[in-house]
N, C-alpha and C. Protein backbone atom coordinates (compact mmCIF):
# COMPACT_ATOMS: atom_id res chain seq x y z
N UNK A 1 0.84 -1.20 0.00
CA UNK A 1 0.00 0.00 0.00
C UNK A 1 0.87 1.25 0.00
N UNK A 2 0.59 2.16 -0.91
CA UNK A 2 1.33 3.40 -0.97
C UNK A 2 0.93 4.30 0.19
N UNK A 3 1.79 5.27 0.45
CA UNK A 3 1.52 6.18 1.56
C UNK A 3 0.17 6.86 1.38
N UNK A 4 -0.20 7.18 0.14
CA UNK A 4 -1.45 7.91 -0.06
C UNK A 4 -2.51 7.10 -0.81
N UNK A 5 -2.12 6.02 -1.44
CA UNK A 5 -3.11 5.26 -2.21
C UNK A 5 -2.70 3.81 -2.33
N UNK A 6 -3.64 2.96 -2.73
CA UNK A 6 -3.36 1.55 -2.92
C UNK A 6 -2.36 1.39 -4.05
N UNK A 7 -1.47 0.43 -3.90
CA UNK A 7 -0.47 0.15 -4.92
C UNK A 7 -1.05 -0.91 -5.87
N UNK A 8 -1.71 -0.47 -6.93
CA UNK A 8 -2.42 -1.39 -7.81
C UNK A 8 -1.46 -2.35 -8.52
N UNK A 9 -0.32 -1.87 -8.90
CA UNK A 9 0.63 -2.74 -9.57
C UNK A 9 1.09 -3.87 -8.67
N UNK A 10 1.30 -3.54 -7.40
CA UNK A 10 1.69 -4.57 -6.44
C UNK A 10 0.59 -5.60 -6.30
N UNK A 11 -0.64 -5.14 -6.22
CA UNK A 11 -1.75 -6.06 -6.01
C UNK A 11 -1.89 -7.03 -7.16
N UNK A 12 -1.57 -6.62 -8.38
CA UNK A 12 -1.74 -7.47 -9.54
C UNK A 12 -0.89 -8.73 -9.44
N UNK A 13 0.25 -8.64 -8.74
CA UNK A 13 1.15 -9.78 -8.70
C UNK A 13 1.02 -10.64 -7.48
N UNK A 14 0.18 -10.29 -6.55
CA UNK A 14 0.15 -11.01 -5.28
C UNK A 14 -0.37 -12.43 -5.40
N UNK A 15 -1.41 -12.63 -6.21
CA UNK A 15 -1.93 -13.98 -6.37
C UNK A 15 -0.88 -14.85 -7.04
N UNK A 16 -0.21 -14.30 -8.04
CA UNK A 16 0.84 -15.05 -8.71
C UNK A 16 1.97 -15.39 -7.78
N UNK A 17 2.29 -14.47 -6.86
CA UNK A 17 3.38 -14.73 -5.93
C UNK A 17 3.06 -15.89 -5.03
N UNK A 18 1.81 -16.03 -4.67
CA UNK A 18 1.42 -17.13 -3.80
C UNK A 18 1.44 -18.46 -4.52
N UNK A 19 1.34 -18.43 -5.87
CA UNK A 19 1.22 -19.67 -6.63
C UNK A 19 2.53 -20.11 -7.25
N UNK A 20 3.42 -19.16 -7.56
CA UNK A 20 4.64 -19.51 -8.30
C UNK A 20 5.82 -18.75 -7.74
N UNK A 21 6.45 -19.30 -6.75
CA UNK A 21 7.58 -18.64 -6.13
C UNK A 21 8.82 -18.73 -7.02
N UNK A 22 9.66 -17.69 -7.01
CA UNK A 22 10.87 -17.72 -7.81
C UNK A 22 11.89 -18.68 -7.22
N UNK A 23 12.81 -19.09 -8.05
CA UNK A 23 13.91 -19.93 -7.57
C UNK A 23 15.20 -19.15 -7.72
N UNK A 24 16.24 -19.56 -6.98
CA UNK A 24 17.52 -18.87 -7.04
C UNK A 24 18.09 -18.93 -8.44
N UNK A 25 17.92 -20.07 -9.12
CA UNK A 25 18.45 -20.20 -10.47
C UNK A 25 17.77 -19.22 -11.42
N UNK A 26 16.46 -18.98 -11.21
CA UNK A 26 15.75 -18.00 -12.04
C UNK A 26 16.33 -16.61 -11.83
N UNK A 27 16.58 -16.27 -10.58
CA UNK A 27 17.11 -14.94 -10.27
C UNK A 27 18.51 -14.77 -10.85
N UNK A 28 19.33 -15.82 -10.76
CA UNK A 28 20.69 -15.74 -11.27
C UNK A 28 20.71 -15.64 -12.79
N UNK A 29 19.69 -16.22 -13.43
CA UNK A 29 19.66 -16.25 -14.89
C UNK A 29 19.21 -14.93 -15.49
N UNK A 30 18.59 -14.08 -14.69
CA UNK A 30 18.06 -12.83 -15.20
C UNK A 30 18.96 -11.65 -14.83
N UNK A 31 18.91 -10.66 -15.65
CA UNK A 31 19.63 -9.42 -15.39
C UNK A 31 18.60 -8.33 -15.12
N UNK A 32 18.57 -7.86 -13.91
CA UNK A 32 17.64 -6.80 -13.55
C UNK A 32 18.36 -5.46 -13.56
N UNK A 33 17.61 -4.41 -13.86
CA UNK A 33 18.21 -3.11 -14.09
C UNK A 33 17.97 -2.13 -12.95
N UNK A 34 19.05 -1.47 -12.52
CA UNK A 34 18.92 -0.41 -11.52
C UNK A 34 18.11 0.74 -12.10
N UNK A 35 17.21 1.27 -11.30
CA UNK A 35 16.38 2.37 -11.74
C UNK A 35 15.10 1.92 -12.41
N UNK A 36 15.06 0.66 -12.81
CA UNK A 36 13.86 0.09 -13.43
C UNK A 36 13.24 -0.98 -12.54
N UNK A 37 14.07 -1.95 -12.14
CA UNK A 37 13.59 -3.06 -11.31
C UNK A 37 13.91 -2.86 -9.82
N UNK A 38 14.91 -2.07 -9.55
CA UNK A 38 15.30 -1.80 -8.17
C UNK A 38 16.03 -0.46 -8.11
N UNK A 39 16.21 0.02 -6.89
CA UNK A 39 16.96 1.25 -6.66
C UNK A 39 18.18 0.95 -5.81
N UNK A 40 19.27 1.63 -6.07
CA UNK A 40 20.45 1.59 -5.21
C UNK A 40 20.42 2.83 -4.33
N UNK A 41 20.56 2.65 -3.02
CA UNK A 41 20.49 3.78 -2.11
C UNK A 41 21.68 4.71 -2.30
N UNK A 42 21.43 6.01 -2.21
CA UNK A 42 22.51 6.99 -2.30
C UNK A 42 23.49 6.83 -1.15
N UNK A 43 22.95 6.50 0.01
CA UNK A 43 23.77 6.32 1.20
C UNK A 43 23.45 4.97 1.83
N UNK A 44 24.43 4.05 1.88
CA UNK A 44 24.17 2.73 2.47
C UNK A 44 23.67 2.84 3.90
N UNK A 45 22.79 1.92 4.27
CA UNK A 45 22.20 1.88 5.61
C UNK A 45 22.87 0.77 6.41
N UNK A 46 23.16 1.04 7.67
CA UNK A 46 23.78 0.02 8.53
C UNK A 46 22.84 -1.18 8.63
N UNK A 47 23.42 -2.37 8.56
CA UNK A 47 22.62 -3.60 8.64
C UNK A 47 22.69 -4.16 10.06
N UNK A 48 21.73 -5.03 10.35
CA UNK A 48 21.66 -5.67 11.65
C UNK A 48 21.69 -7.18 11.45
N UNK A 49 22.74 -7.64 10.79
CA UNK A 49 22.88 -9.06 10.46
C UNK A 49 24.24 -9.56 10.92
N UNK A 50 24.35 -10.84 11.23
CA UNK A 50 25.65 -11.40 11.62
C UNK A 50 26.68 -11.21 10.52
N UNK A 51 27.92 -11.15 10.89
CA UNK A 51 29.01 -10.99 9.91
C UNK A 51 28.95 -12.12 8.88
N UNK A 52 29.14 -11.74 7.63
CA UNK A 52 29.14 -12.73 6.57
C UNK A 52 27.78 -13.04 5.99
N UNK A 53 26.72 -12.44 6.53
CA UNK A 53 25.37 -12.68 6.03
C UNK A 53 24.83 -11.46 5.29
N UNK A 54 24.02 -11.72 4.28
CA UNK A 54 23.35 -10.66 3.52
C UNK A 54 21.97 -10.44 4.13
N UNK A 55 21.67 -9.22 4.50
CA UNK A 55 20.40 -8.91 5.16
C UNK A 55 19.31 -8.55 4.16
N UNK A 56 18.15 -9.17 4.35
CA UNK A 56 16.94 -8.80 3.62
C UNK A 56 15.91 -8.29 4.63
N UNK A 57 15.30 -7.17 4.33
CA UNK A 57 14.26 -6.60 5.19
C UNK A 57 12.96 -6.54 4.41
N UNK A 58 11.88 -7.02 5.02
CA UNK A 58 10.56 -6.76 4.46
C UNK A 58 9.92 -5.66 5.29
N UNK A 59 9.56 -4.56 4.65
CA UNK A 59 8.81 -3.48 5.28
C UNK A 59 7.33 -3.78 5.06
N UNK A 60 6.54 -3.72 6.14
CA UNK A 60 5.13 -4.10 6.03
C UNK A 60 4.28 -3.31 7.01
N UNK A 61 2.97 -3.47 6.84
CA UNK A 61 1.98 -2.89 7.75
C UNK A 61 0.85 -3.90 7.89
N UNK A 62 0.49 -4.25 9.10
CA UNK A 62 -0.52 -5.28 9.30
C UNK A 62 -1.84 -4.97 8.60
N UNK A 63 -2.23 -3.71 8.55
CA UNK A 63 -3.52 -3.36 7.97
C UNK A 63 -3.49 -3.21 6.45
N UNK A 64 -2.34 -3.39 5.84
CA UNK A 64 -2.21 -3.29 4.39
C UNK A 64 -2.73 -4.56 3.72
N UNK A 65 -3.73 -4.47 2.84
CA UNK A 65 -4.26 -5.66 2.19
C UNK A 65 -3.24 -6.36 1.30
N UNK A 66 -2.33 -5.58 0.70
CA UNK A 66 -1.30 -6.18 -0.14
C UNK A 66 -0.30 -6.98 0.70
N UNK A 67 0.05 -6.47 1.86
CA UNK A 67 0.94 -7.21 2.76
C UNK A 67 0.28 -8.50 3.22
N UNK A 68 -1.00 -8.43 3.47
CA UNK A 68 -1.75 -9.62 3.87
C UNK A 68 -1.73 -10.67 2.76
N UNK A 69 -1.97 -10.26 1.53
CA UNK A 69 -1.98 -11.20 0.42
C UNK A 69 -0.59 -11.76 0.13
N UNK A 70 0.43 -10.96 0.38
CA UNK A 70 1.82 -11.35 0.11
C UNK A 70 2.39 -12.29 1.17
N UNK A 71 1.87 -12.24 2.38
CA UNK A 71 2.47 -12.94 3.51
C UNK A 71 2.64 -14.44 3.30
N UNK A 72 1.65 -15.19 2.82
CA UNK A 72 1.86 -16.64 2.64
C UNK A 72 3.00 -16.97 1.68
N UNK A 73 3.08 -16.24 0.57
CA UNK A 73 4.17 -16.45 -0.39
C UNK A 73 5.50 -16.09 0.24
N UNK A 74 5.52 -15.00 0.99
CA UNK A 74 6.75 -14.57 1.64
C UNK A 74 7.23 -15.61 2.64
N UNK A 75 6.34 -16.15 3.45
CA UNK A 75 6.74 -17.13 4.45
C UNK A 75 7.30 -18.39 3.79
N UNK A 76 6.71 -18.82 2.69
CA UNK A 76 7.23 -19.98 1.97
C UNK A 76 8.61 -19.69 1.39
N UNK A 77 8.79 -18.48 0.89
CA UNK A 77 10.08 -18.06 0.31
C UNK A 77 11.16 -17.98 1.37
N UNK A 78 10.83 -17.47 2.54
CA UNK A 78 11.79 -17.34 3.63
C UNK A 78 12.40 -18.70 3.98
N UNK A 79 11.58 -19.73 3.95
CA UNK A 79 12.05 -21.07 4.33
C UNK A 79 13.10 -21.61 3.37
N UNK A 80 13.18 -21.04 2.17
CA UNK A 80 14.13 -21.53 1.18
C UNK A 80 15.38 -20.65 1.05
N UNK A 81 15.49 -19.64 1.89
CA UNK A 81 16.64 -18.74 1.78
C UNK A 81 17.94 -19.46 2.13
N UNK A 82 19.04 -19.13 1.44
CA UNK A 82 20.33 -19.74 1.73
C UNK A 82 20.81 -19.41 3.14
N UNK A 83 21.76 -20.18 3.62
CA UNK A 83 22.25 -20.02 4.99
C UNK A 83 22.95 -18.69 5.21
N UNK A 84 23.46 -18.07 4.15
CA UNK A 84 24.19 -16.81 4.32
C UNK A 84 23.28 -15.59 4.19
N UNK A 85 21.96 -15.81 4.24
CA UNK A 85 21.01 -14.71 4.17
C UNK A 85 20.28 -14.57 5.50
N UNK A 86 20.21 -13.35 5.99
CA UNK A 86 19.51 -13.03 7.23
C UNK A 86 18.26 -12.22 6.89
N UNK A 87 17.10 -12.70 7.32
CA UNK A 87 15.84 -12.03 7.00
C UNK A 87 15.22 -11.44 8.26
N UNK A 88 14.64 -10.24 8.13
CA UNK A 88 13.87 -9.68 9.23
C UNK A 88 12.76 -8.79 8.70
N UNK A 89 11.73 -8.65 9.51
CA UNK A 89 10.60 -7.80 9.17
C UNK A 89 10.72 -6.47 9.91
N UNK A 90 10.27 -5.41 9.27
CA UNK A 90 10.24 -4.09 9.90
C UNK A 90 8.87 -3.47 9.66
N UNK A 91 8.07 -3.26 10.69
CA UNK A 91 6.77 -2.62 10.53
C UNK A 91 6.93 -1.12 10.33
N UNK A 92 6.18 -0.57 9.38
CA UNK A 92 6.33 0.85 9.06
C UNK A 92 5.29 1.69 9.80
N UNK A 93 5.52 3.00 9.79
CA UNK A 93 4.55 3.93 10.39
C UNK A 93 4.53 5.20 9.55
N UNK A 94 3.57 5.29 8.65
CA UNK A 94 3.40 6.52 7.87
C UNK A 94 2.73 7.60 8.69
N UNK A 95 1.97 7.17 9.71
CA UNK A 95 1.31 8.11 10.61
C UNK A 95 1.42 7.59 12.04
N UNK A 96 1.17 8.44 13.00
CA UNK A 96 1.25 8.04 14.40
C UNK A 96 0.27 6.91 14.72
N UNK A 97 -0.83 6.85 13.98
CA UNK A 97 -1.83 5.81 14.24
C UNK A 97 -1.33 4.41 13.91
N UNK A 98 -0.21 4.32 13.18
CA UNK A 98 0.38 3.02 12.85
C UNK A 98 1.19 2.45 14.01
N UNK A 99 1.60 3.30 14.94
CA UNK A 99 2.54 2.90 15.99
C UNK A 99 2.05 1.72 16.84
N UNK A 100 0.78 1.66 17.25
CA UNK A 100 0.35 0.50 18.03
C UNK A 100 0.62 -0.84 17.33
N UNK A 101 0.46 -0.88 16.02
CA UNK A 101 0.75 -2.13 15.31
C UNK A 101 2.25 -2.40 15.22
N UNK A 102 3.05 -1.34 15.16
CA UNK A 102 4.49 -1.54 15.27
C UNK A 102 4.82 -2.19 16.61
N UNK A 103 4.24 -1.65 17.67
CA UNK A 103 4.48 -2.20 19.00
C UNK A 103 3.96 -3.64 19.12
N UNK A 104 2.85 -3.93 18.45
CA UNK A 104 2.34 -5.31 18.44
C UNK A 104 3.39 -6.25 17.88
N UNK A 105 3.96 -5.92 16.73
CA UNK A 105 4.95 -6.80 16.12
C UNK A 105 6.15 -6.99 17.04
N UNK A 106 6.69 -5.89 17.56
CA UNK A 106 7.90 -6.01 18.38
C UNK A 106 7.62 -6.68 19.73
N UNK A 107 6.39 -6.60 20.19
CA UNK A 107 6.02 -7.33 21.40
C UNK A 107 5.99 -8.83 21.12
N UNK A 108 5.38 -9.20 20.00
CA UNK A 108 5.36 -10.62 19.61
C UNK A 108 6.77 -11.13 19.39
N UNK A 109 7.61 -10.31 18.78
CA UNK A 109 9.00 -10.70 18.56
C UNK A 109 9.73 -10.93 19.88
N UNK A 110 9.56 -10.01 20.81
CA UNK A 110 10.23 -10.11 22.10
C UNK A 110 9.76 -11.34 22.88
N UNK A 111 8.51 -11.74 22.66
CA UNK A 111 7.95 -12.87 23.38
C UNK A 111 8.09 -14.19 22.61
N UNK A 112 8.77 -14.12 21.46
CA UNK A 112 8.98 -15.34 20.67
C UNK A 112 7.72 -15.87 20.03
N UNK A 113 6.80 -14.98 19.66
CA UNK A 113 5.49 -15.41 19.15
C UNK A 113 5.26 -15.06 17.68
N UNK A 114 6.23 -14.49 17.00
CA UNK A 114 6.00 -14.06 15.63
C UNK A 114 5.65 -15.24 14.73
N UNK A 115 6.44 -16.30 14.77
CA UNK A 115 6.18 -17.44 13.89
C UNK A 115 4.78 -18.01 14.10
N UNK A 116 4.34 -18.04 15.33
CA UNK A 116 3.04 -18.64 15.64
C UNK A 116 1.87 -17.71 15.32
N UNK A 117 2.10 -16.39 15.41
CA UNK A 117 0.97 -15.46 15.36
C UNK A 117 0.98 -14.46 14.21
N UNK A 118 2.04 -14.39 13.42
CA UNK A 118 2.10 -13.39 12.35
C UNK A 118 0.92 -13.52 11.38
N UNK A 119 0.68 -14.70 10.89
CA UNK A 119 -0.45 -14.90 9.98
C UNK A 119 -1.79 -14.69 10.68
N UNK A 120 -1.84 -15.01 11.98
CA UNK A 120 -3.09 -14.84 12.72
C UNK A 120 -3.44 -13.36 12.90
N UNK A 121 -2.43 -12.51 13.01
CA UNK A 121 -2.70 -11.07 13.09
C UNK A 121 -3.34 -10.60 11.78
N UNK A 122 -2.71 -10.98 10.67
CA UNK A 122 -3.27 -10.60 9.36
C UNK A 122 -4.69 -11.13 9.21
N UNK A 123 -4.91 -12.38 9.60
CA UNK A 123 -6.23 -13.00 9.47
C UNK A 123 -7.27 -12.27 10.32
N UNK A 124 -6.88 -11.88 11.54
CA UNK A 124 -7.80 -11.16 12.42
C UNK A 124 -8.26 -9.85 11.79
N UNK A 125 -7.34 -9.16 11.13
CA UNK A 125 -7.66 -7.85 10.55
C UNK A 125 -8.40 -7.98 9.22
N UNK A 126 -7.92 -8.86 8.35
CA UNK A 126 -8.43 -8.88 6.97
C UNK A 126 -9.53 -9.91 6.72
N UNK A 127 -9.59 -10.95 7.53
CA UNK A 127 -10.64 -11.96 7.35
C UNK A 127 -11.74 -11.80 8.40
N UNK A 128 -11.31 -11.69 9.66
CA UNK A 128 -12.29 -11.55 10.74
C UNK A 128 -12.75 -10.11 10.92
N UNK A 129 -12.08 -9.17 10.24
CA UNK A 129 -12.45 -7.75 10.24
C UNK A 129 -12.38 -7.13 11.63
N UNK A 130 -11.41 -7.59 12.43
CA UNK A 130 -11.20 -6.98 13.73
C UNK A 130 -10.39 -5.69 13.57
N UNK A 131 -10.63 -4.75 14.42
CA UNK A 131 -9.90 -3.49 14.41
C UNK A 131 -8.79 -3.56 15.46
N UNK A 132 -7.58 -3.80 15.00
CA UNK A 132 -6.44 -3.90 15.92
C UNK A 132 -5.53 -2.70 15.68
N UNK A 133 -5.93 -1.55 16.19
CA UNK A 133 -5.14 -0.35 15.96
C UNK A 133 -4.96 0.52 17.20
N UNK A 134 -5.33 -0.03 18.36
CA UNK A 134 -5.10 0.67 19.63
C UNK A 134 -4.53 -0.32 20.63
N UNK A 135 -3.93 0.21 21.68
CA UNK A 135 -3.40 -0.66 22.72
C UNK A 135 -4.49 -1.57 23.28
N UNK A 136 -5.66 -1.03 23.51
CA UNK A 136 -6.74 -1.79 24.13
C UNK A 136 -7.19 -2.96 23.25
N UNK A 137 -7.42 -2.70 21.96
CA UNK A 137 -7.88 -3.78 21.08
C UNK A 137 -6.80 -4.82 20.85
N UNK A 138 -5.55 -4.37 20.80
CA UNK A 138 -4.44 -5.30 20.58
C UNK A 138 -4.23 -6.20 21.80
N UNK A 139 -4.25 -5.62 22.97
CA UNK A 139 -4.06 -6.41 24.20
C UNK A 139 -5.20 -7.42 24.36
N UNK A 140 -6.42 -7.01 24.05
CA UNK A 140 -7.56 -7.91 24.15
C UNK A 140 -7.41 -9.08 23.18
N UNK A 141 -6.96 -8.78 21.97
CA UNK A 141 -6.73 -9.85 20.98
C UNK A 141 -5.64 -10.81 21.44
N UNK A 142 -4.53 -10.26 21.96
CA UNK A 142 -3.43 -11.10 22.43
C UNK A 142 -3.89 -12.04 23.54
N UNK A 143 -4.72 -11.54 24.43
CA UNK A 143 -5.22 -12.37 25.53
C UNK A 143 -6.05 -13.54 24.99
N UNK A 144 -6.78 -13.32 23.90
CA UNK A 144 -7.57 -14.39 23.30
C UNK A 144 -6.69 -15.44 22.64
N UNK A 145 -5.43 -15.09 22.38
CA UNK A 145 -4.49 -16.06 21.80
C UNK A 145 -3.77 -16.86 22.88
N UNK A 146 -4.16 -16.64 24.13
CA UNK A 146 -3.57 -17.38 25.23
C UNK A 146 -2.34 -16.73 25.83
N UNK A 147 -2.07 -15.49 25.47
CA UNK A 147 -0.92 -14.77 26.02
C UNK A 147 -1.34 -14.09 27.31
N UNK A 148 -0.51 -14.16 28.32
CA UNK A 148 -0.79 -13.50 29.59
C UNK A 148 -0.94 -11.99 29.35
N UNK A 149 -2.09 -11.45 29.71
CA UNK A 149 -2.40 -10.06 29.42
C UNK A 149 -1.44 -9.10 30.12
N UNK A 150 -1.13 -9.38 31.37
CA UNK A 150 -0.24 -8.50 32.13
C UNK A 150 1.16 -8.49 31.53
N UNK A 151 1.66 -9.67 31.19
CA UNK A 151 3.00 -9.76 30.61
C UNK A 151 3.04 -9.08 29.25
N UNK A 152 2.02 -9.31 28.43
CA UNK A 152 1.98 -8.69 27.10
C UNK A 152 2.00 -7.17 27.22
N UNK A 153 1.19 -6.64 28.12
CA UNK A 153 1.11 -5.19 28.30
C UNK A 153 2.43 -4.62 28.79
N UNK A 154 3.10 -5.37 29.66
CA UNK A 154 4.40 -4.94 30.17
C UNK A 154 5.41 -4.82 29.04
N UNK A 155 5.44 -5.82 28.17
CA UNK A 155 6.39 -5.79 27.04
C UNK A 155 5.98 -4.72 26.03
N UNK A 156 4.68 -4.63 25.76
CA UNK A 156 4.15 -3.67 24.80
C UNK A 156 4.59 -2.24 25.13
N UNK A 157 4.63 -1.92 26.42
CA UNK A 157 5.00 -0.57 26.87
C UNK A 157 6.43 -0.47 27.37
N UNK A 158 7.24 -1.46 27.05
CA UNK A 158 8.62 -1.49 27.55
C UNK A 158 9.53 -0.54 26.78
N UNK A 159 10.65 -0.22 27.41
CA UNK A 159 11.66 0.62 26.77
C UNK A 159 12.21 -0.07 25.52
N UNK A 160 12.40 -1.38 25.61
CA UNK A 160 12.95 -2.12 24.47
C UNK A 160 12.07 -2.03 23.24
N UNK A 161 10.76 -2.20 23.41
CA UNK A 161 9.84 -2.10 22.29
C UNK A 161 9.77 -0.67 21.77
N UNK A 162 9.79 0.30 22.65
CA UNK A 162 9.78 1.70 22.23
C UNK A 162 11.02 2.02 21.40
N UNK A 163 12.16 1.48 21.81
CA UNK A 163 13.41 1.71 21.08
C UNK A 163 13.35 1.09 19.69
N UNK A 164 12.86 -0.14 19.59
CA UNK A 164 12.76 -0.80 18.29
C UNK A 164 11.78 -0.06 17.37
N UNK A 165 10.71 0.45 17.94
CA UNK A 165 9.74 1.21 17.16
C UNK A 165 10.38 2.48 16.59
N UNK A 166 11.15 3.14 17.42
CA UNK A 166 11.83 4.35 16.97
C UNK A 166 12.85 4.03 15.87
N UNK A 167 13.60 2.96 16.04
CA UNK A 167 14.59 2.56 15.04
C UNK A 167 13.93 2.13 13.74
N UNK A 168 12.74 1.52 13.84
CA UNK A 168 12.00 1.12 12.64
C UNK A 168 11.66 2.35 11.80
N UNK A 169 11.24 3.40 12.45
CA UNK A 169 10.91 4.64 11.73
C UNK A 169 12.16 5.23 11.08
N UNK A 170 13.29 5.19 11.77
CA UNK A 170 14.54 5.68 11.21
C UNK A 170 14.95 4.87 9.98
N UNK A 171 14.77 3.55 10.06
CA UNK A 171 15.12 2.68 8.94
C UNK A 171 14.17 2.91 7.77
N UNK A 172 12.91 3.07 8.06
CA UNK A 172 11.93 3.39 7.03
C UNK A 172 12.32 4.66 6.29
N UNK A 173 12.73 5.68 7.02
CA UNK A 173 13.12 6.94 6.41
C UNK A 173 14.42 6.80 5.62
N UNK A 174 15.36 5.99 6.13
CA UNK A 174 16.63 5.80 5.44
C UNK A 174 16.45 5.12 4.09
N UNK A 175 15.50 4.18 4.02
CA UNK A 175 15.20 3.50 2.76
C UNK A 175 14.20 4.28 1.90
N UNK A 176 13.68 5.38 2.44
CA UNK A 176 12.70 6.22 1.75
C UNK A 176 11.47 5.42 1.34
N UNK A 177 10.96 4.66 2.28
CA UNK A 177 9.80 3.82 2.03
C UNK A 177 8.55 4.67 1.83
N UNK A 178 7.85 4.47 0.72
CA UNK A 178 6.58 5.17 0.52
C UNK A 178 5.45 4.20 0.20
N UNK A 179 5.71 2.91 0.27
CA UNK A 179 4.68 1.92 0.04
C UNK A 179 5.11 0.55 0.53
N UNK A 180 4.16 -0.28 0.86
CA UNK A 180 4.44 -1.64 1.32
C UNK A 180 3.47 -2.61 0.65
N UNK A 181 3.90 -3.91 0.53
CA UNK A 181 5.16 -4.48 1.00
C UNK A 181 6.32 -4.04 0.12
N UNK A 182 7.49 -3.93 0.71
CA UNK A 182 8.70 -3.59 -0.02
C UNK A 182 9.88 -4.30 0.63
N UNK A 183 10.99 -4.37 -0.11
CA UNK A 183 12.12 -5.18 0.34
C UNK A 183 13.43 -4.40 0.23
N UNK A 184 14.23 -4.44 1.28
CA UNK A 184 15.55 -3.85 1.28
C UNK A 184 16.59 -4.95 1.34
N UNK A 185 17.70 -4.77 0.64
CA UNK A 185 18.74 -5.80 0.58
C UNK A 185 20.10 -5.20 0.90
N UNK A 186 20.75 -5.79 1.90
CA UNK A 186 22.13 -5.46 2.25
C UNK A 186 22.35 -4.00 2.60
N UNK A 187 21.30 -3.29 2.97
CA UNK A 187 21.43 -1.89 3.30
C UNK A 187 21.80 -1.03 2.11
N UNK A 188 21.69 -1.61 0.90
CA UNK A 188 22.13 -0.91 -0.31
C UNK A 188 21.08 -0.80 -1.40
N UNK A 189 20.14 -1.74 -1.40
CA UNK A 189 19.19 -1.83 -2.50
C UNK A 189 17.75 -1.88 -2.00
N UNK A 190 16.82 -1.51 -2.92
CA UNK A 190 15.40 -1.46 -2.57
C UNK A 190 14.58 -1.88 -3.78
N UNK A 191 13.53 -2.68 -3.53
CA UNK A 191 12.58 -2.99 -4.59
C UNK A 191 11.20 -3.17 -3.99
N UNK A 192 10.19 -3.09 -4.85
CA UNK A 192 8.80 -3.29 -4.41
C UNK A 192 7.96 -3.70 -5.60
N UNK A 193 6.66 -3.82 -5.41
CA UNK A 193 5.78 -4.27 -6.47
C UNK A 193 5.63 -3.29 -7.61
N UNK A 194 5.87 -2.01 -7.35
CA UNK A 194 5.79 -1.02 -8.42
C UNK A 194 7.01 -1.11 -9.32
N UNK A 195 8.19 -1.14 -8.72
CA UNK A 195 9.42 -1.24 -9.50
C UNK A 195 9.49 -2.57 -10.25
N UNK A 196 9.24 -3.67 -9.54
CA UNK A 196 9.40 -5.00 -10.12
C UNK A 196 8.19 -5.42 -10.96
N UNK A 197 7.12 -4.66 -10.90
CA UNK A 197 5.86 -4.89 -11.60
C UNK A 197 4.92 -5.85 -10.87
N UNK A 198 5.44 -6.84 -10.17
CA UNK A 198 4.63 -7.72 -9.33
C UNK A 198 5.47 -8.09 -8.12
N UNK A 199 4.81 -8.56 -7.05
CA UNK A 199 5.58 -8.98 -5.88
C UNK A 199 6.28 -10.31 -6.12
N UNK A 200 5.74 -11.15 -7.00
CA UNK A 200 6.45 -12.36 -7.39
C UNK A 200 7.79 -12.00 -8.01
N UNK A 201 7.77 -11.03 -8.90
CA UNK A 201 9.01 -10.61 -9.55
C UNK A 201 9.91 -9.86 -8.57
N UNK A 202 9.33 -9.17 -7.60
CA UNK A 202 10.14 -8.48 -6.60
C UNK A 202 10.98 -9.48 -5.81
N UNK A 203 10.45 -10.68 -5.57
CA UNK A 203 11.25 -11.71 -4.89
C UNK A 203 12.40 -12.17 -5.77
N UNK A 204 12.16 -12.26 -7.07
CA UNK A 204 13.24 -12.62 -7.99
C UNK A 204 14.31 -11.53 -8.02
N UNK A 205 13.87 -10.28 -8.05
CA UNK A 205 14.82 -9.16 -8.01
C UNK A 205 15.62 -9.21 -6.72
N UNK A 206 14.96 -9.51 -5.61
CA UNK A 206 15.64 -9.58 -4.32
C UNK A 206 16.71 -10.66 -4.33
N UNK A 207 16.41 -11.81 -4.89
CA UNK A 207 17.41 -12.88 -4.96
C UNK A 207 18.59 -12.46 -5.85
N UNK A 208 18.29 -11.76 -6.92
CA UNK A 208 19.37 -11.23 -7.76
C UNK A 208 20.24 -10.25 -6.98
N UNK A 209 19.61 -9.40 -6.19
CA UNK A 209 20.35 -8.41 -5.40
C UNK A 209 21.20 -9.08 -4.32
N UNK A 210 20.74 -10.21 -3.81
CA UNK A 210 21.56 -10.96 -2.86
C UNK A 210 22.86 -11.41 -3.51
N UNK A 211 22.77 -11.90 -4.76
CA UNK A 211 23.99 -12.32 -5.45
C UNK A 211 24.91 -11.13 -5.71
N UNK A 212 24.31 -9.97 -6.00
CA UNK A 212 25.12 -8.77 -6.20
C UNK A 212 25.77 -8.33 -4.90
N UNK A 213 25.03 -8.42 -3.80
CA UNK A 213 25.57 -8.02 -2.49
C UNK A 213 26.75 -8.89 -2.09
N UNK A 214 26.68 -10.16 -2.43
CA UNK A 214 27.80 -11.05 -2.11
C UNK A 214 29.09 -10.58 -2.76
N UNK A 215 28.98 -10.02 -3.95
CA UNK A 215 30.16 -9.55 -4.68
C UNK A 215 30.78 -8.32 -4.02
N UNK A 216 29.97 -7.62 -3.21
CA UNK A 216 30.45 -6.38 -2.60
C UNK A 216 31.16 -6.61 -1.27
N UNK A 217 31.13 -7.84 -0.77
CA UNK A 217 31.74 -8.13 0.54
C UNK A 217 33.26 -7.97 0.46
């Protein structure tokens, strides 16, 4: 979803992404163009990955319908990433009203619940039509998932989660994110459904950028 409008080009590729994931050999066989399929950042961004690993970041927003449609394909793709690739998610905040969902993600992360509940958050919002955009609604939802309400609230309002939320906004600004879902690679490159034409192709571009990042080590 773009900052001001739906990203129609991204949406066109989401069903395809769920049905036909790219392979590393496909990405290696293709030549993608800077400025057309991806952007190279003017100023490299510091990465948060172990030494020797190439970092991939998915920027997302729980309430974005495109992110919701992309998530199953993304999760399947993550499972096939090479050992030298480090993947992480970063929730964006185009407005202050997005912050509670940022805190939701980082609370789940701190409690080791992302793998179990990431898809369930999307399902609650987009299928069950729940409104999870305030501390109260989010805490109530978490309690229904069997999470201790007091502990969840403590983490949700913790200094650690506040710090990660602030850093997420800084990273979003550094990559100049104006729409989601989008992907950053090695702190140097950026692609999304608009540049790549579809999110299926954006994954292929990302794999190509991983091979390029390896050459820069």
